Amino acid sequence: MYTMPKISLPKPVEFEWDSNNQEKNWLKHKVDYKECEQVFRNTPQAIFEDPKHSQVESRYTLFSQTDNQRLIVVTYTIRKNKVRVISARDQNKKERSEYEKEK
């Protein structure tokens, strides 16, 4: 499924939030922006390029977990060295399997 090389996050990790995406992630997937931020700081992580959705800017996919061990997949981009979350949701079965391999 995901065969691209791993990607690093900027240090320190800072966020730029679009209020529409915050609301969309909550309404559609019940993922709060605080949970999104947690997955960028928690380990283990698996980060991959998302070339299929990178026409305008580079997009990435992150598999990780919240402080409560909720397994989340986050699609994001980097703007001005800040993480901008596009979407966040629970990992599906196939993604959990991929995440487990990366541990």
PDB file of N, CA and C in Angstrom:
ATOM      1  N   MET A   1       0.824  -1.192   0.000  1.00  0.00           N
ATOM      2  CA  MET A   1       0.000   0.000   0.000  1.00  0.00           C
ATOM      3  C   MET A   1       0.869   1.257   0.000  1.00  0.00           C
ATOM      4  N   TYR A   2       1.702   1.449   1.035  1.00  0.00           N
ATOM      5  CA  TYR A   2       2.549   2.625   1.133  1.00  0.00           C
ATOM      6  C   TYR A   2       3.995   2.182   0.963  1.00  0.00           C
ATOM      7  N   THR A   3       4.623   2.584  -0.135  1.00  0.00           N
ATOM      8  CA  THR A   3       5.965   2.103  -0.407  1.00  0.00           C
ATOM      9  C   THR A   3       6.983   3.234  -0.488  1.00  0.00           C
ATOM     10  N   MET A   4       6.562   4.445  -0.197  1.00  0.00           N
ATOM     11  CA  MET A   4       7.467   5.587  -0.295  1.00  0.00           C
ATOM     12  C   MET A   4       8.409   5.613   0.901  1.00  0.00           C
ATOM     13  N   PRO A   5       9.560   6.264   0.752  1.00  0.00           N
ATOM     14  CA  PRO A   5      10.486   6.363   1.883  1.00  0.00           C
ATOM     15  C   PRO A   5       9.891   7.208   3.003  1.00  0.00           C
ATOM     16  N   LYS A   6      10.366   6.955   4.203  1.00  0.00           N
ATOM     17  CA  LYS A   6       9.884   7.709   5.358  1.00  0.00           C
ATOM     18  C   LYS A   6      10.324   9.166   5.271  1.00  0.00           C
ATOM     19  N   ILE A   7       9.518  10.031   5.877  1.00  0.00           N
ATOM     20  CA  ILE A   7       9.732  11.471   5.858  1.00  0.00           C
ATOM     21  C   ILE A   7       9.923  11.957   7.297  1.00  0.00           C
ATOM     22  N   SER A   8      10.718  13.005   7.485  1.00  0.00           N
ATOM     23  CA  SER A   8      10.928  13.596   8.806  1.00  0.00           C
ATOM     24  C   SER A   8      10.017  14.797   8.996  1.00  0.00           C
ATOM     25  N   LEU A   9       9.722  15.076  10.251  1.00  0.00           N
ATOM     26  CA  LEU A   9       8.945  16.262  10.610  1.00  0.00           C
ATOM     27  C   LEU A   9       9.877  17.419  10.927  1.00  0.00           C
ATOM     28  N   PRO A  10       9.413  18.660  10.723  1.00  0.00           N
ATOM     29  CA  PRO A  10      10.229  19.802  11.130  1.00  0.00           C
ATOM     30  C   PRO A  10      10.384  19.811  12.654  1.00  0.00           C
ATOM     31  N   LYS A  11      11.474  20.357  13.115  1.00  0.00           N
ATOM     32  CA  LYS A  11      11.722  20.456  14.559  1.00  0.00           C
ATOM     33  C   LYS A  11      11.898  21.921  14.926  1.00  0.00           C
ATOM     34  N   PRO A  12      11.225  22.413  15.933  1.00  0.00           N
ATOM     35  CA  PRO A  12      10.146  21.766  16.668  1.00  0.00           C
ATOM     36  C   PRO A  12       8.891  21.703  15.812  1.00  0.00           C
ATOM     37  N   VAL A  13       7.995  20.790  16.176  1.00  0.00           N
ATOM     38  CA  VAL A  13       6.744  20.662  15.433  1.00  0.00           C
ATOM     39  C   VAL A  13       5.800  21.767  15.892  1.00  0.00           C
ATOM     40  N   GLU A  14       5.413  22.612  14.935  1.00  0.00           N
ATOM     41  CA  GLU A  14       4.429  23.659  15.197  1.00  0.00           C
ATOM     42  C   GLU A  14       3.284  23.471  14.222  1.00  0.00           C
ATOM     43  N   PHE A  15       2.117  23.998  14.586  1.00  0.00           N
ATOM     44  CA  PHE A  15       0.913  23.769  13.788  1.00  0.00           C
ATOM     45  C   PHE A  15       0.301  25.074  13.307  1.00  0.00           C
ATOM     46  N   GLU A  16      -0.289  24.981  12.123  1.00  0.00           N
ATOM     47  CA  GLU A  16      -1.104  26.046  11.562  1.00  0.00           C
ATOM     48  C   GLU A  16      -2.464  25.400  11.308  1.00  0.00           C
ATOM     49  N   TRP A  17      -3.506  25.932  11.940  1.00  0.00           N
ATOM     50  CA  TRP A  17      -4.823  25.307  11.849  1.00  0.00           C
ATOM     51  C   TRP A  17      -5.778  26.118  10.996  1.00  0.00           C
ATOM     52  N   ASP A  18      -6.478  25.422  10.133  1.00  0.00           N
ATOM     53  CA  ASP A  18      -7.579  25.970   9.362  1.00  0.00           C
ATOM     54  C   ASP A  18      -8.848  25.592  10.125  1.00  0.00           C
ATOM     55  N   SER A  19      -9.635  26.578  10.533  1.00  0.00           N
ATOM     56  CA  SER A  19     -10.806  26.294  11.372  1.00  0.00           C
ATOM     57  C   SER A  19     -11.797  25.360  10.668  1.00  0.00           C
ATOM     58  N   ASN A  20     -11.900  25.451   9.363  1.00  0.00           N
ATOM     59  CA  ASN A  20     -12.802  24.546   8.637  1.00  0.00           C
ATOM     60  C   ASN A  20     -12.347  23.096   8.745  1.00  0.00           C
ATOM     61  N   ASN A  21     -11.042  22.863   8.660  1.00  0.00           N
ATOM     62  CA  ASN A  21     -10.533  21.497   8.793  1.00  0.00           C
ATOM     63  C   ASN A  21     -10.692  20.989  10.219  1.00  0.00           C
ATOM     64  N   GLN A  22     -10.493  21.863  11.196  1.00  0.00           N
ATOM     65  CA  GLN A  22     -10.702  21.459  12.587  1.00  0.00           C
ATOM     66  C   GLN A  22     -12.129  20.964  12.774  1.00  0.00           C
ATOM     67  N   GLU A  23     -13.065  21.741  12.303  1.00  0.00           N
ATOM     68  CA  GLU A  23     -14.475  21.401  12.463  1.00  0.00           C
ATOM     69  C   GLU A  23     -14.836  20.145  11.658  1.00  0.00           C
ATOM     70  N   LYS A  24     -14.353  20.061  10.426  1.00  0.00           N
ATOM     71  CA  LYS A  24     -14.636  18.907   9.569  1.00  0.00           C
ATOM     72  C   LYS A  24     -14.131  17.613  10.205  1.00  0.00           C
ATOM     73  N   ASN A  25     -12.905  17.625  10.728  1.00  0.00           N
ATOM     74  CA  ASN A  25     -12.348  16.420  11.347  1.00  0.00           C
ATOM     75  C   ASN A  25     -13.169  15.993  12.558  1.00  0.00           C
ATOM     76  N   TRP A  26     -13.652  16.955  13.314  1.00  0.00           N
ATOM     77  CA  TRP A  26     -14.461  16.627  14.474  1.00  0.00           C
ATOM     78  C   TRP A  26     -15.836  16.090  14.051  1.00  0.00           C
ATOM     79  N   LEU A  27     -16.519  16.812  13.166  1.00  0.00           N
ATOM     80  CA  LEU A  27     -17.870  16.417  12.764  1.00  0.00           C
ATOM     81  C   LEU A  27     -17.893  15.086  12.018  1.00  0.00           C
ATOM     82  N   LYS A  28     -16.934  14.886  11.140  1.00  0.00           N
ATOM     83  CA  LYS A  28     -16.934  13.697  10.299  1.00  0.00           C
ATOM     84  C   LYS A  28     -16.306  12.479  10.980  1.00  0.00           C
ATOM     85  N   HIS A  29     -15.237  12.694  11.760  1.00  0.00           N
ATOM     86  CA  HIS A  29     -14.459  11.570  12.294  1.00  0.00           C
ATOM     87  C   HIS A  29     -14.294  11.572  13.810  1.00  0.00           C
ATOM     88  N   LYS A  30     -14.826  12.607  14.467  1.00  0.00           N
ATOM     89  CA  LYS A  30     -14.703  12.740  15.930  1.00  0.00           C
ATOM     90  C   LYS A  30     -13.244  12.742  16.379  1.00  0.00           C
ATOM     91  N   VAL A  31     -12.394  13.411  15.587  1.00  0.00           N
ATOM     92  CA  VAL A  31     -10.987  13.592  15.940  1.00  0.00           C
ATOM     93  C   VAL A  31     -10.792  15.065  16.267  1.00  0.00           C
ATOM     94  N   ASP A  32     -10.416  15.335  17.495  1.00  0.00           N
ATOM     95  CA  ASP A  32     -10.178  16.689  17.976  1.00  0.00           C
ATOM     96  C   ASP A  32      -8.777  17.146  17.548  1.00  0.00           C
ATOM     97  N   TYR A  33      -8.618  18.452  17.370  1.00  0.00           N
ATOM     98  CA  TYR A  33      -7.309  18.962  16.942  1.00  0.00           C
ATOM     99  C   TYR A  33      -6.216  18.638  17.950  1.00  0.00           C
ATOM    100  N   LYS A  34      -6.548  18.544  19.228  1.00  0.00           N
ATOM    101  CA  LYS A  34      -5.538  18.197  20.237  1.00  0.00           C
ATOM    102  C   LYS A  34      -5.030  16.772  20.030  1.00  0.00           C
ATOM    103  N   GLU A  35      -5.941  15.871  19.637  1.00  0.00           N
ATOM    104  CA  GLU A  35      -5.522  14.504  19.326  1.00  0.00           C
ATOM    105  C   GLU A  35      -4.603  14.499  18.108  1.00  0.00           C
ATOM    106  N   CYS A  36      -4.919  15.328  17.123  1.00  0.00           N
ATOM    107  CA  CYS A  36      -4.061  15.430  15.932  1.00  0.00           C
ATOM    108  C   CYS A  36      -2.648  15.832  16.342  1.00  0.00           C
ATOM    109  N   GLU A  37      -2.545  16.819  17.189  1.00  0.00           N
ATOM    110  CA  GLU A  37      -1.223  17.273  17.613  1.00  0.00           C
ATOM    111  C   GLU A  37      -0.478  16.193  18.388  1.00  0.00           C
ATOM    112  N   GLN A  38      -1.194  15.417  19.182  1.00  0.00           N
ATOM    113  CA  GLN A  38      -0.556  14.349  19.956  1.00  0.00           C
ATOM    114  C   GLN A  38       0.142  13.338  19.061  1.00  0.00           C
ATOM    115  N   VAL A  39      -0.490  12.968  17.949  1.00  0.00           N
ATOM    116  CA  VAL A  39       0.095  11.918  17.113  1.00  0.00           C
ATOM    117  C   VAL A  39       1.422  12.354  16.492  1.00  0.00           C
ATOM    118  N   PHE A  40       1.632  13.655  16.352  1.00  0.00           N
ATOM    119  CA  PHE A  40       2.900  14.148  15.817  1.00  0.00           C
ATOM    120  C   PHE A  40       4.015  14.102  16.853  1.00  0.00           C
ATOM    121  N   ARG A  41       3.656  13.984  18.111  1.00  0.00           N
ATOM    122  CA  ARG A  41       4.661  13.957  19.182  1.00  0.00           C
ATOM    123  C   ARG A  41       4.872  12.555  19.756  1.00  0.00           C
ATOM    124  N   ASN A  42       3.926  11.667  19.481  1.00  0.00           N
ATOM    125  CA  ASN A  42       3.997  10.316  20.037  1.00  0.00           C
ATOM    126  C   ASN A  42       4.712   9.369  19.081  1.00  0.00           C
ATOM    127  N   THR A  43       5.188   8.283  19.644  1.00  0.00           N
ATOM    128  CA  THR A  43       5.824   7.239  18.859  1.00  0.00           C
ATOM    129  C   THR A  43       5.141   5.927  19.182  1.00  0.00           C
ATOM    130  N   PRO A  44       5.267   4.967  18.312  1.00  0.00           N
ATOM    131  CA  PRO A  44       5.950   5.010  17.022  1.00  0.00           C
ATOM    132  C   PRO A  44       5.139   5.771  15.982  1.00  0.00           C
ATOM    133  N   GLN A  45       5.841   6.216  14.956  1.00  0.00           N
ATOM    134  CA  GLN A  45       5.235   6.933  13.838  1.00  0.00           C
ATOM    135  C   GLN A  45       5.675   6.288  12.532  1.00  0.00           C
ATOM    136  N   ALA A  46       4.805   6.386  11.558  1.00  0.00           N
ATOM    137  CA  ALA A  46       5.160   6.018  10.188  1.00  0.00           C
ATOM    138  C   ALA A  46       4.654   7.163   9.318  1.00  0.00           C
ATOM    139  N   ILE A  47       5.563   7.808   8.586  1.00  0.00           N
ATOM    140  CA  ILE A  47       5.209   8.956   7.745  1.00  0.00           C
ATOM    141  C   ILE A  47       5.611   8.645   6.312  1.00  0.00           C
ATOM    142  N   PHE A  48       4.678   8.905   5.391  1.00  0.00           N
ATOM    143  CA  PHE A  48       4.914   8.618   3.985  1.00  0.00           C
ATOM    144  C   PHE A  48       4.489   9.795   3.118  1.00  0.00           C
ATOM    145  N   GLU A  49       5.146   9.945   1.982  1.00  0.00           N
ATOM    146  CA  GLU A  49       4.706  10.932   0.996  1.00  0.00           C
ATOM    147  C   GLU A  49       3.382  10.473   0.399  1.00  0.00           C
ATOM    148  N   ASP A  50       2.589  11.429  -0.046  1.00  0.00           N
ATOM    149  CA  ASP A  50       1.304  11.142  -0.681  1.00  0.00           C
ATOM    150  C   ASP A  50       1.303  11.776  -2.069  1.00  0.00           C
ATOM    151  N   PRO A  51       2.055  11.195  -3.020  1.00  0.00           N
ATOM    152  CA  PRO A  51       2.196  11.819  -4.342  1.00  0.00           C
ATOM    153  C   PRO A  51       0.878  11.925  -5.111  1.00  0.00           C
ATOM    154  N   LYS A  52      -0.044  11.029  -4.841  1.00  0.00           N
ATOM    155  CA  LYS A  52      -1.331  11.043  -5.541  1.00  0.00           C
ATOM    156  C   LYS A  52      -2.097  12.351  -5.283  1.00  0.00           C
ATOM    157  N   HIS A  53      -1.929  12.936  -4.091  1.00  0.00           N
ATOM    158  CA  HIS A  53      -2.648  14.154  -3.713  1.00  0.00           C
ATOM    159  C   HIS A  53      -1.721  15.359  -3.597  1.00  0.00           C
ATOM    160  N   SER A  54      -0.574  15.318  -4.233  1.00  0.00           N
ATOM    161  CA  SER A  54       0.433  16.371  -4.084  1.00  0.00           C
ATOM    162  C   SER A  54       0.591  17.228  -5.335  1.00  0.00           C
ATOM    163  N   GLN A  55      -0.484  17.535  -6.015  1.00  0.00           N
ATOM    164  CA  GLN A  55      -0.361  18.323  -7.239  1.00  0.00           C
ATOM    165  C   GLN A  55       0.086  19.760  -6.958  1.00  0.00           C
ATOM    166  N   VAL A  56      -0.491  20.411  -5.961  1.00  0.00           N
ATOM    167  CA  VAL A  56      -0.181  21.814  -5.663  1.00  0.00           C
ATOM    168  C   VAL A  56       0.963  21.928  -4.671  1.00  0.00           C
ATOM    169  N   GLU A  57       0.950  21.110  -3.637  1.00  0.00           N
ATOM    170  CA  GLU A  57       1.998  21.110  -2.619  1.00  0.00           C
ATOM    171  C   GLU A  57       2.185  19.684  -2.124  1.00  0.00           C
ATOM    172  N   SER A  58       3.322  19.407  -1.541  1.00  0.00           N
ATOM    173  CA  SER A  58       3.593  18.057  -1.032  1.00  0.00           C
ATOM    174  C   SER A  58       2.665  17.738   0.125  1.00  0.00           C
ATOM    175  N   ARG A  59       2.099  16.546   0.063  1.00  0.00           N
ATOM    176  CA  ARG A  59       1.249  16.058   1.145  1.00  0.00           C
ATOM    177  C   ARG A  59       1.848  14.787   1.706  1.00  0.00           C
ATOM    178  N   TYR A  60       1.558  14.561   2.972  1.00  0.00           N
ATOM    179  CA  TYR A  60       2.109  13.424   3.684  1.00  0.00           C
ATOM    180  C   TYR A  60       1.015  12.731   4.473  1.00  0.00           C
ATOM    181  N   THR A  61       1.262  11.455   4.781  1.00  0.00           N
ATOM    182  CA  THR A  61       0.368  10.665   5.597  1.00  0.00           C
ATOM    183  C   THR A  61       1.145  10.179   6.806  1.00  0.00           C
ATOM    184  N   LEU A  62       0.559  10.365   7.981  1.00  0.00           N
ATOM    185  CA  LEU A  62       1.179   9.966   9.240  1.00  0.00           C
ATOM    186  C   LEU A  62       0.300   8.937   9.933  1.00  0.00           C
ATOM    187  N   PHE A  63       0.891   7.817  10.320  1.00  0.00           N
ATOM    188  CA  PHE A  63       0.240   6.834  11.176  1.00  0.00           C
ATOM    189  C   PHE A  63       0.888   6.961  12.548  1.00  0.00           C
ATOM    190  N   SER A  64       0.072   7.137  13.563  1.00  0.00           N
ATOM    191  CA  SER A  64       0.590   7.172  14.925  1.00  0.00           C
ATOM    192  C   SER A  64      -0.572   6.964  15.881  1.00  0.00           C
ATOM    193  N   GLN A  65      -0.347   7.299  17.155  1.00  0.00           N
ATOM    194  CA  GLN A  65      -1.388   7.107  18.155  1.00  0.00           C
ATOM    195  C   GLN A  65      -1.472   8.304  19.088  1.00  0.00           C
ATOM    196  N   THR A  66      -2.667   8.484  19.659  1.00  0.00           N
ATOM    197  CA  THR A  66      -2.885   9.566  20.613  1.00  0.00           C
ATOM    198  C   THR A  66      -2.330   9.152  21.973  1.00  0.00           C
ATOM    199  N   ASP A  67      -2.415  10.061  22.924  1.00  0.00           N
ATOM    200  CA  ASP A  67      -1.983   9.741  24.288  1.00  0.00           C
ATOM    201  C   ASP A  67      -2.800   8.597  24.885  1.00  0.00           C
ATOM    202  N   ASN A  68      -4.018   8.407  24.382  1.00  0.00           N
ATOM    203  CA  ASN A  68      -4.894   7.313  24.851  1.00  0.00           C
ATOM    204  C   ASN A  68      -4.814   6.081  23.955  1.00  0.00           C
ATOM    205  N   GLN A  69      -3.773   5.983  23.131  1.00  0.00           N
ATOM    206  CA  GLN A  69      -3.517   4.858  22.229  1.00  0.00           C
ATOM    207  C   GLN A  69      -4.572   4.706  21.128  1.00  0.00           C
ATOM    208  N   ARG A  70      -5.278   5.766  20.804  1.00  0.00           N
ATOM    209  CA  ARG A  70      -6.177   5.745  19.655  1.00  0.00           C
ATOM    210  C   ARG A  70      -5.321   5.820  18.395  1.00  0.00           C
ATOM    211  N   LEU A  71      -5.493   4.869  17.488  1.00  0.00           N
ATOM    212  CA  LEU A  71      -4.690   4.819  16.270  1.00  0.00           C
ATOM    213  C   LEU A  71      -5.309   5.736  15.225  1.00  0.00           C
ATOM    214  N   ILE A  72      -4.529   6.722  14.798  1.00  0.00           N
ATOM    215  CA  ILE A  72      -5.009   7.786  13.917  1.00  0.00           C
ATOM    216  C   ILE A  72      -4.151   7.829  12.653  1.00  0.00           C
ATOM    217  N   VAL A  73      -4.788   8.194  11.546  1.00  0.00           N
ATOM    218  CA  VAL A  73      -4.066   8.511  10.312  1.00  0.00           C
ATOM    219  C   VAL A  73      -4.353   9.978  10.009  1.00  0.00           C
ATOM    220  N   VAL A  74      -3.302  10.734   9.752  1.00  0.00           N
ATOM    221  CA  VAL A  74      -3.422  12.168   9.499  1.00  0.00           C
ATOM    222  C   VAL A  74      -2.780  12.480   8.153  1.00  0.00           C
ATOM    223  N   THR A  75      -3.508  13.212   7.322  1.00  0.00           N
ATOM    224  CA  THR A  75      -2.956  13.743   6.084  1.00  0.00           C
ATOM    225  C   THR A  75      -2.631  15.205   6.353  1.00  0.00           C
ATOM    226  N   TYR A  76      -1.436  15.625   5.943  1.00  0.00           N
ATOM    227  CA  TYR A  76      -1.009  16.989   6.249  1.00  0.00           C
ATOM    228  C   TYR A  76      -0.047  17.498   5.194  1.00  0.00           C
ATOM    229  N   THR A  77       0.228  18.784   5.281  1.00  0.00           N
ATOM    230  CA  THR A  77       1.243  19.418   4.462  1.00  0.00           C
ATOM    231  C   THR A  77       2.106  20.273   5.381  1.00  0.00           C
ATOM    232  N   ILE A  78       3.222  20.755   4.860  1.00  0.00           N
ATOM    233  CA  ILE A  78       4.083  21.664   5.623  1.00  0.00           C
ATOM    234  C   ILE A  78       4.037  23.019   4.925  1.00  0.00           C
ATOM    235  N   ARG A  79       3.657  24.050   5.671  1.00  0.00           N
ATOM    236  CA  ARG A  79       3.646  25.419   5.158  1.00  0.00           C
ATOM    237  C   ARG A  79       4.429  26.290   6.106  1.00  0.00           C
ATOM    238  N   LYS A  80       5.430  26.976   5.553  1.00  0.00           N
ATOM    239  CA  LYS A  80       6.281  27.861   6.365  1.00  0.00           C
ATOM    240  C   LYS A  80       6.799  27.133   7.603  1.00  0.00           C
ATOM    241  N   ASN A  81       7.233  25.900   7.402  1.00  0.00           N
ATOM    242  CA  ASN A  81       7.806  25.046   8.443  1.00  0.00           C
ATOM    243  C   ASN A  81       6.825  24.704   9.560  1.00  0.00           C
ATOM    244  N   LYS A  82       5.522  24.792   9.263  1.00  0.00           N
ATOM    245  CA  LYS A  82       4.485  24.408  10.220  1.00  0.00           C
ATOM    246  C   LYS A  82       3.620  23.315   9.610  1.00  0.00           C
ATOM    247  N   VAL A  83       3.166  22.405  10.463  1.00  0.00           N
ATOM    248  CA  VAL A  83       2.280  21.326  10.036  1.00  0.00           C
ATOM    249  C   VAL A  83       0.872  21.890   9.886  1.00  0.00           C
ATOM    250  N   ARG A  84       0.269  21.630   8.749  1.00  0.00           N
ATOM    251  CA  ARG A  84      -1.117  22.027   8.492  1.00  0.00           C
ATOM    252  C   ARG A  84      -1.902  20.741   8.204  1.00  0.00           C
ATOM    253  N   VAL A  85      -2.761  20.365   9.149  1.00  0.00           N
ATOM    254  CA  VAL A  85      -3.537  19.134   9.032  1.00  0.00           C
ATOM    255  C   VAL A  85      -4.656  19.333   8.017  1.00  0.00           C
ATOM    256  N   ILE A  86      -4.759  18.384   7.111  1.00  0.00           N
ATOM    257  CA  ILE A  86      -5.810  18.395   6.095  1.00  0.00           C
ATOM    258  C   ILE A  86      -6.966  17.515   6.548  1.00  0.00           C
ATOM    259  N   SER A  87      -6.643  16.318   7.022  1.00  0.00           N
ATOM    260  CA  SER A  87      -7.686  15.429   7.533  1.00  0.00           C
ATOM    261  C   SER A  87      -7.091  14.483   8.572  1.00  0.00           C
ATOM    262  N   ALA A  88      -7.968  14.002   9.445  1.00  0.00           N
ATOM    263  CA  ALA A  88      -7.560  13.061  10.489  1.00  0.00           C
ATOM    264  C   ALA A  88      -8.734  12.127  10.773  1.00  0.00           C
ATOM    265  N   ARG A  89      -8.400  10.850  10.938  1.00  0.00           N
ATOM    266  CA  ARG A  89      -9.441   9.852  11.194  1.00  0.00           C
ATOM    267  C   ARG A  89      -8.790   8.623  11.815  1.00  0.00           C
ATOM    268  N   ASP A  90      -9.643   7.704  12.263  1.00  0.00           N
ATOM    269  CA  ASP A  90      -9.136   6.438  12.785  1.00  0.00           C
ATOM    270  C   ASP A  90      -8.517   5.622  11.661  1.00  0.00           C
ATOM    271  N   GLN A  91      -7.492   4.865  12.000  1.00  0.00           N
ATOM    272  CA  GLN A  91      -6.886   3.971  11.017  1.00  0.00           C
ATOM    273  C   GLN A  91      -7.861   2.841  10.684  1.00  0.00           C
ATOM    274  N   ASN A  92      -7.904   2.465   9.407  1.00  0.00           N
ATOM    275  CA  ASN A  92      -8.696   1.299   9.044  1.00  0.00           C
ATOM    276  C   ASN A  92      -7.847   0.036   9.252  1.00  0.00           C
ATOM    277  N   LYS A  93      -8.429  -1.110   9.007  1.00  0.00           N
ATOM    278  CA  LYS A  93      -7.754  -2.386   9.273  1.00  0.00           C
ATOM    279  C   LYS A  93      -6.438  -2.513   8.499  1.00  0.00           C
ATOM    280  N   LYS A  94      -6.457  -2.151   7.229  1.00  0.00           N
ATOM    281  CA  LYS A  94      -5.254  -2.240   6.395  1.00  0.00           C
ATOM    282  C   LYS A  94      -4.171  -1.277   6.895  1.00  0.00           C
ATOM    283  N   GLU A  95      -4.572  -0.085   7.280  1.00  0.00           N
ATOM    284  CA  GLU A  95      -3.618   0.909   7.794  1.00  0.00           C
ATOM    285  C   GLU A  95      -3.038   0.473   9.139  1.00  0.00           C
ATOM    286  N   ARG A  96      -3.867  -0.120  10.004  1.00  0.00           N
ATOM    287  CA  ARG A  96      -3.359  -0.621  11.293  1.00  0.00           C
ATOM    288  C   ARG A  96      -2.300  -1.678  11.053  1.00  0.00           C
ATOM    289  N   SER A  97      -2.532  -2.537  10.064  1.00  0.00           N
ATOM    290  CA  SER A  97      -1.566  -3.574   9.734  1.00  0.00           C
ATOM    291  C   SER A  97      -0.244  -2.956   9.277  1.00  0.00           C
ATOM    292  N   GLU A  98      -0.331  -1.943   8.420  1.00  0.00           N
ATOM    293  CA  GLU A  98       0.867  -1.246   7.939  1.00  0.00           C
ATOM    294  C   GLU A  98       1.603  -0.562   9.092  1.00  0.00           C
ATOM    295  N   TYR A  99       0.848   0.065   9.972  1.00  0.00           N
ATOM    296  CA  TYR A  99       1.423   0.753  11.139  1.00  0.00           C
ATOM    297  C   TYR A  99       2.147  -0.247  12.035  1.00  0.00           C
ATOM    298  N   GLU A 100       1.536  -1.392  12.258  1.00  0.00           N
ATOM    299  CA  GLU A 100       2.157  -2.425  13.099  1.00  0.00           C
ATOM    300  C   GLU A 100       3.485  -2.888  12.511  1.00  0.00           C
ATOM    301  N   LYS A 101       3.576  -2.982  11.195  1.00  0.00           N
ATOM    302  CA  LYS A 101       4.827  -3.371  10.547  1.00  0.00           C
ATOM    303  C   LYS A 101       5.913  -2.340  10.786  1.00  0.00           C
ATOM    304  N   GLU A 102       5.527  -1.060  10.826  1.00  0.00           N
ATOM    305  CA  GLU A 102       6.504   0.030  10.977  1.00  0.00           C
ATOM    306  C   GLU A 102       7.025   0.155  12.384  1.00  0.00           C
ATOM    307  N   LYS A 103       6.302  -0.391  13.353  1.00  0.00           N
ATOM    308  CA  LYS A 103       6.750  -0.301  14.746  1.00  0.00           C
ATOM    309  C   LYS A 103       8.082  -0.982  14.870  1.00  0.00           C
TER     310      LYS A 103
END
